[in-house]
C-alpha atoms as a PDB file:
ATOM      1  CA  MET A   1       8.649 -11.649 -20.401  1.00  0.00           C
ATOM      2  CA  GLU A   2       5.723 -13.231 -22.173  1.00  0.00           C
ATOM      3  CA  GLU A   3       2.476 -11.373 -22.942  1.00  0.00           C
ATOM      4  CA  LYS A   4      -0.609 -12.720 -21.082  1.00  0.00           C
ATOM      5  CA  THR A   5      -3.622 -13.297 -23.645  1.00  0.00           C
ATOM      6  CA  CYS A   6      -6.745 -12.161 -22.804  1.00  0.00           C
ATOM      7  CA  SER A   7     -10.048 -14.251 -23.557  1.00  0.00           C
ATOM      8  CA  VAL A   8     -14.089 -14.424 -22.123  1.00  0.00           C
ATOM      9  CA  LEU A   9     -15.789 -17.264 -22.951  1.00  0.00           C
ATOM     10  CA  LEU A  10     -19.406 -17.076 -21.909  1.00  0.00           C
ATOM     11  CA  GLU A  11     -21.170 -20.237 -22.218  1.00  0.00           C
ATOM     12  CA  LYS A  12     -25.286 -20.118 -22.192  1.00  0.00           C
ATOM     13  CA  ARG A  13     -24.783 -17.426 -19.381  1.00  0.00           C
ATOM     14  CA  SER A  14     -24.096 -19.681 -16.685  1.00  0.00           C
ATOM     15  CA  ARG A  15     -20.647 -20.524 -17.632  1.00  0.00           C
ATOM     16  CA  LEU A  16     -17.854 -17.865 -17.768  1.00  0.00           C
ATOM     17  CA  VAL A  17     -14.260 -18.298 -18.207  1.00  0.00           C
ATOM     18  CA  LEU A  18     -11.189 -15.445 -18.409  1.00  0.00           C
ATOM     19  CA  THR A  19      -8.260 -15.561 -19.136  1.00  0.00           C
ATOM     20  CA  GLY A  20      -5.468 -12.576 -18.718  1.00  0.00           C
ATOM     21  CA  ILE A  21      -6.390 -11.916 -15.243  1.00  0.00           C
ATOM     22  CA  LEU A  22      -3.552  -9.593 -13.652  1.00  0.00           C
ATOM     23  CA  GLU A  23      -5.841  -9.089 -10.289  1.00  0.00           C
ATOM     24  CA  ILE A  24      -9.215  -9.396  -8.414  1.00  0.00           C
ATOM     25  CA  LYS A  25     -10.253  -6.069  -7.061  1.00  0.00           C
ATOM     26  CA  SER A  26     -13.750  -7.377  -5.706  1.00  0.00           C
ATOM     27  CA  PHE A  27     -15.663 -10.453  -5.667  1.00  0.00           C
ATOM     28  CA  GLN A  28     -19.717 -10.715  -4.598  1.00  0.00           C
ATOM     29  CA  GLU A  29     -22.478 -13.015  -5.538  1.00  0.00           C
ATOM     30  CA  SER A  30     -23.815  -9.934  -7.908  1.00  0.00           C
ATOM     31  CA  SER A  31     -20.994  -8.379  -8.624  1.00  0.00           C
ATOM     32  CA  ALA A  32     -16.967  -8.443  -9.526  1.00  0.00           C
ATOM     33  CA  GLU A  33     -14.352  -6.626 -10.732  1.00  0.00           C
ATOM     34  CA  PHE A  34     -10.635  -7.933 -12.792  1.00  0.00           C
ATOM     35  CA  ASP A  35      -8.230  -6.174 -13.599  1.00  0.00           C
ATOM     36  CA  THR A  36      -7.156  -7.785 -16.900  1.00  0.00           C
ATOM     37  CA  CYS A  37      -4.688  -7.425 -19.750  1.00  0.00           C
ATOM     38  CA  MET A  38      -7.122  -5.278 -21.803  1.00  0.00           C
ATOM     39  CA  GLY A  39      -8.128  -3.118 -18.816  1.00  0.00           C
ATOM     40  CA  LEU A  40     -10.809  -3.361 -16.079  1.00  0.00           C
ATOM     41  CA  LEU A  41     -13.567  -5.823 -16.730  1.00  0.00           C
ATOM     42  CA  GLN A  42     -16.978  -5.312 -14.703  1.00  0.00           C
ATOM     43  CA  ILE A  43     -19.401  -8.261 -14.316  1.00  0.00           C
ATOM     44  CA  THR A  44     -22.937  -8.317 -12.906  1.00  0.00           C
ATOM     45  CA  GLY A  45     -24.891 -11.208 -12.257  1.00  0.00           C
ATOM     46  CA  GLU A  46     -26.530 -13.411 -10.104  1.00  0.00           C
ATOM     47  CA  SER A  47     -25.685 -16.308  -7.712  1.00  0.00           C
ATOM     48  CA  MET A  48     -22.110 -15.908  -9.189  1.00  0.00           C
ATOM     49  CA  HIS A  49     -19.459 -18.134  -7.549  1.00  0.00           C
ATOM     50  CA  MET A  50     -15.657 -19.042  -8.647  1.00  0.00           C
ATOM     51  CA  GLU A  51     -15.189 -22.380  -9.771  1.00  0.00           C
ATOM     52  CA  ARG A  52     -11.890 -22.440 -10.411  1.00  0.00           C
ATOM     53  CA  LEU A  53      -8.990 -20.070 -10.054  1.00  0.00           C
ATOM     54  CA  ASP A  54      -4.946 -19.709 -10.730  1.00  0.00           C
ATOM     55  CA  LEU A  55      -3.707 -16.799 -10.782  1.00  0.00           C
ATOM     56  CA  ASP A  56      -0.039 -18.077 -11.843  1.00  0.00           C
ATOM     57  CA  LEU A  57      -1.846 -18.229 -14.623  1.00  0.00           C
ATOM     58  CA  GLY A  58      -4.190 -15.468 -15.056  1.00  0.00           C
ATOM     59  CA  GLU A  59      -7.271 -17.795 -15.173  1.00  0.00           C
ATOM     60  CA  VAL A  60     -10.901 -18.117 -13.476  1.00  0.00           C
ATOM     61  CA  GLU A  61     -14.123 -20.082 -14.184  1.00  0.00           C
ATOM     62  CA  LEU A  62     -17.134 -18.291 -12.713  1.00  0.00           C
ATOM     63  CA  LYS A  63     -20.743 -19.700 -12.648  1.00  0.00           C
ATOM     64  CA  GLY A  64     -23.955 -18.066 -12.137  1.00  0.00           C
ATOM     65  CA  ASN A  65     -26.574 -16.025 -14.199  1.00  0.00           C
ATOM     66  CA  PHE A  66     -24.566 -13.504 -15.811  1.00  0.00           C
ATOM     67  CA  ILE A  67     -26.300  -9.796 -17.003  1.00  0.00           C
ATOM     68  CA  SER A  68     -23.350  -7.629 -18.388  1.00  0.00           C
ATOM     69  CA  LEU A  69     -19.500  -7.849 -19.010  1.00  0.00           C
ATOM     70  CA  TYR A  70     -18.226  -4.198 -19.158  1.00  0.00           C
ATOM     71  CA  TYR A  71     -14.790  -2.808 -20.151  1.00  0.00           C
ATOM     72  CA  PRO A  72     -15.124   0.755 -18.488  1.00  0.00           C
ATOM     73  CA  GLU A  73     -13.143   3.698 -20.904  1.00  0.00           C
ATOM     74  CA  GLU A  74      -9.767   4.437 -19.276  1.00  0.00           C
ATOM     75  CA  THR A  75      -9.057   8.052 -19.375  1.00  0.00           C
ATOM     76  CA  LYS A  76      -5.141   8.947 -18.356  1.00  0.00           C
ATOM     77  CA  GLU A  77      -5.053  11.839 -19.879  1.00  0.00           C
ATOM     78  CA  GLU A  78      -6.302  15.252 -18.323  1.00  0.00           C
ATOM     79  CA  PRO A  79      -9.226  16.686 -20.431  1.00  0.00           C
ATOM     80  CA  LYS A  80      -7.906  19.337 -22.962  1.00  0.00           C
ATOM     81  CA  SER A  81      -9.248  22.636 -22.512  1.00  0.00           C
ATOM     82  CA  PHE A  82     -11.258  24.305 -25.285  1.00  0.00           C
ATOM     83  CA  TRP A  83      -8.182  25.807 -26.708  1.00  0.00           C
ATOM     84  CA  GLY A  84      -6.365  22.422 -26.538  1.00  0.00           C
ATOM     85  CA  ARG A  85      -9.127  20.837 -28.366  1.00  0.00           C
ATOM     86  CA  LEU A  86      -9.319  23.163 -31.001  1.00  0.00           C
ATOM     87  CA  LEU A  87      -5.861  23.355 -31.671  1.00  0.00           C
ATOM     88  CA  GLY A  88      -4.850  19.573 -30.799  1.00  0.00           C
END
């Protein structure tokens, strides 16, 4: 199976092209969340709208006024106890 390429192209804070999109978690005019091959991507902005969407290729083009793009840390492991951190 071919691995998808993840890329983020932001032009003048008004055009955003993303590749490597696996799923659209949510999309509103002021925020969006995408599951990408690099993890969850959270976007905030104003007047955001989709210009182009191709989920078969994993590509999306957005327009609007983009404020932030954020990949939150993913913690899949249980937090270690004091002794686990000390000895591990």
